[in-house]
C-alpha atoms as a PDB file:
ATOM      1  CA  MET A   1      59.976  29.991 -60.265  1.00  0.00           C
ATOM      2  CA  SER A   2      59.676  28.555 -56.794  1.00  0.00           C
ATOM      3  CA  ALA A   3      56.362  26.682 -56.996  1.00  0.00           C
ATOM      4  CA  VAL A   4      54.102  25.307 -59.708  1.00  0.00           C
ATOM      5  CA  LYS A   5      50.858  23.358 -59.553  1.00  0.00           C
ATOM      6  CA  GLU A   6      49.544  22.773 -63.042  1.00  0.00           C
ATOM      7  CA  ASN A   7      46.371  24.758 -63.769  1.00  0.00           C
ATOM      8  CA  LYS A   8      46.306  25.979 -60.154  1.00  0.00           C
ATOM      9  CA  LEU A   9      49.310  28.041 -59.065  1.00  0.00           C
ATOM     10  CA  VAL A  10      52.612  29.588 -60.050  1.00  0.00           C
ATOM     11  CA  ARG A  11      54.926  31.470 -57.675  1.00  0.00           C
ATOM     12  CA  PHE A  12      57.980  33.511 -58.590  1.00  0.00           C
ATOM     13  CA  GLU A  13      60.543  34.322 -55.916  1.00  0.00           C
ATOM     14  CA  TRP A  14      63.240  36.992 -56.121  1.00  0.00           C
ATOM     15  CA  ASN A  15      66.836  35.740 -56.059  1.00  0.00           C
ATOM     16  CA  ASP A  16      68.275  38.698 -54.114  1.00  0.00           C
ATOM     17  CA  LYS A  17      67.390  37.448 -50.628  1.00  0.00           C
ATOM     18  CA  THR A  18      69.225  38.854 -47.656  1.00  0.00           C
ATOM     19  CA  PRO A  19      69.614  36.834 -44.438  1.00  0.00           C
ATOM     20  CA  ASN A  20      67.432  39.072 -42.241  1.00  0.00           C
ATOM     21  CA  LYS A  21      64.750  39.873 -44.786  1.00  0.00           C
ATOM     22  CA  GLU A  22      61.650  37.993 -45.897  1.00  0.00           C
ATOM     23  CA  SER A  23      61.891  36.636 -49.406  1.00  0.00           C
ATOM     24  CA  GLY A  24      60.059  38.637 -52.026  1.00  0.00           C
ATOM     25  CA  TYR A  25      57.624  36.858 -54.288  1.00  0.00           C
ATOM     26  CA  PHE A  26      54.487  37.125 -56.319  1.00  0.00           C
ATOM     27  CA  GLU A  27      51.997  34.377 -56.976  1.00  0.00           C
ATOM     28  CA  PHE A  28      49.144  33.695 -59.371  1.00  0.00           C
ATOM     29  CA  ARG A  29      46.488  31.263 -58.171  1.00  0.00           C
ATOM     30  CA  ILE A  30      43.482  30.102 -60.202  1.00  0.00           C
ATOM     31  CA  ILE A  31      40.411  29.357 -58.125  1.00  0.00           C
ATOM     32  CA  VAL A  32      37.294  27.640 -59.460  1.00  0.00           C
ATOM     33  CA  HIS A  33      34.167  27.772 -57.294  1.00  0.00           C
ATOM     34  CA  ASP A  34      32.902  24.214 -56.787  1.00  0.00           C
ATOM     35  CA  ILE A  35      29.199  24.998 -57.103  1.00  0.00           C
ATOM     36  CA  THR A  36      28.992  27.853 -59.623  1.00  0.00           C
ATOM     37  CA  GLY A  37      32.074  27.084 -61.691  1.00  0.00           C
ATOM     38  CA  ASP A  38      33.105  30.763 -61.464  1.00  0.00           C
ATOM     39  CA  LEU A  39      36.780  31.340 -62.154  1.00  0.00           C
ATOM     40  CA  ALA A  40      38.966  33.787 -60.224  1.00  0.00           C
ATOM     41  CA  LEU A  41      42.586  34.858 -60.517  1.00  0.00           C
ATOM     42  CA  LEU A  42      44.087  35.588 -57.106  1.00  0.00           C
ATOM     43  CA  ILE A  43      47.340  37.550 -57.137  1.00  0.00           C
ATOM     44  CA  THR A  44      49.533  37.682 -54.055  1.00  0.00           C
ATOM     45  CA  ASP A  45      52.509  40.036 -54.140  1.00  0.00           C
ATOM     46  CA  PHE A  46      55.038  40.602 -51.396  1.00  0.00           C
ATOM     47  CA  ALA A  47      55.694  44.326 -50.959  1.00  0.00           C
ATOM     48  CA  GLU A  48      57.253  46.574 -48.376  1.00  0.00           C
ATOM     49  CA  ALA A  49      54.735  48.717 -46.483  1.00  0.00           C
ATOM     50  CA  ASP A  50      55.844  51.888 -48.271  1.00  0.00           C
ATOM     51  CA  GLU A  51      55.469  50.167 -51.680  1.00  0.00           C
ATOM     52  CA  LYS A  52      51.993  48.729 -51.100  1.00  0.00           C
ATOM     53  CA  GLU A  53      49.998  51.438 -52.907  1.00  0.00           C
ATOM     54  CA  ASP A  54      52.334  51.302 -55.922  1.00  0.00           C
ATOM     55  CA  ALA A  55      52.029  47.509 -56.079  1.00  0.00           C
ATOM     56  CA  ILE A  56      48.221  47.686 -55.939  1.00  0.00           C
ATOM     57  CA  TYR A  57      48.184  50.285 -58.722  1.00  0.00           C
ATOM     58  CA  LEU A  58      50.543  48.169 -60.849  1.00  0.00           C
ATOM     59  CA  TRP A  59      48.455  44.989 -60.497  1.00  0.00           C
ATOM     60  CA  ASP A  60      45.176  46.859 -61.057  1.00  0.00           C
ATOM     61  CA  SER A  61      46.502  48.318 -64.300  1.00  0.00           C
ATOM     62  CA  GLN A  62      47.905  44.941 -65.421  1.00  0.00           C
ATOM     63  CA  ILE A  63      44.576  43.199 -64.748  1.00  0.00           C
ATOM     64  CA  ASN A  64      42.709  45.951 -66.632  1.00  0.00           C
ATOM     65  CA  ASP A  65      45.042  45.384 -69.601  1.00  0.00           C
ATOM     66  CA  LEU A  66      44.418  41.635 -69.392  1.00  0.00           C
ATOM     67  CA  LYS A  67      40.646  42.151 -69.336  1.00  0.00           C
ATOM     68  CA  ARG A  68      40.864  44.442 -72.373  1.00  0.00           C
ATOM     69  CA  VAL A  69      42.919  41.884 -74.313  1.00  0.00           C
ATOM     70  CA  LEU A  70      40.544  39.064 -73.365  1.00  0.00           C
ATOM     71  CA  GLY A  71      37.489  41.143 -74.271  1.00  0.00           C
ATOM     72  CA  SER A  72      35.965  41.228 -70.770  1.00  0.00           C
END
């Protein structure tokens, strides 16, 4: 875990960094709209260009599983 802000953000960074490569990470951020009180989960995931579609599919399926478990 490379960053934590209680009830706001958590970021996980991969340990296998190479000197000439960007660090890989994924991050969960909770956003609450000031006026409406709506809650959003923003997921940021570092991925190579050729892995982007796979990463999107993975996160979409994980969020669908989360919604099913939560009853949404």
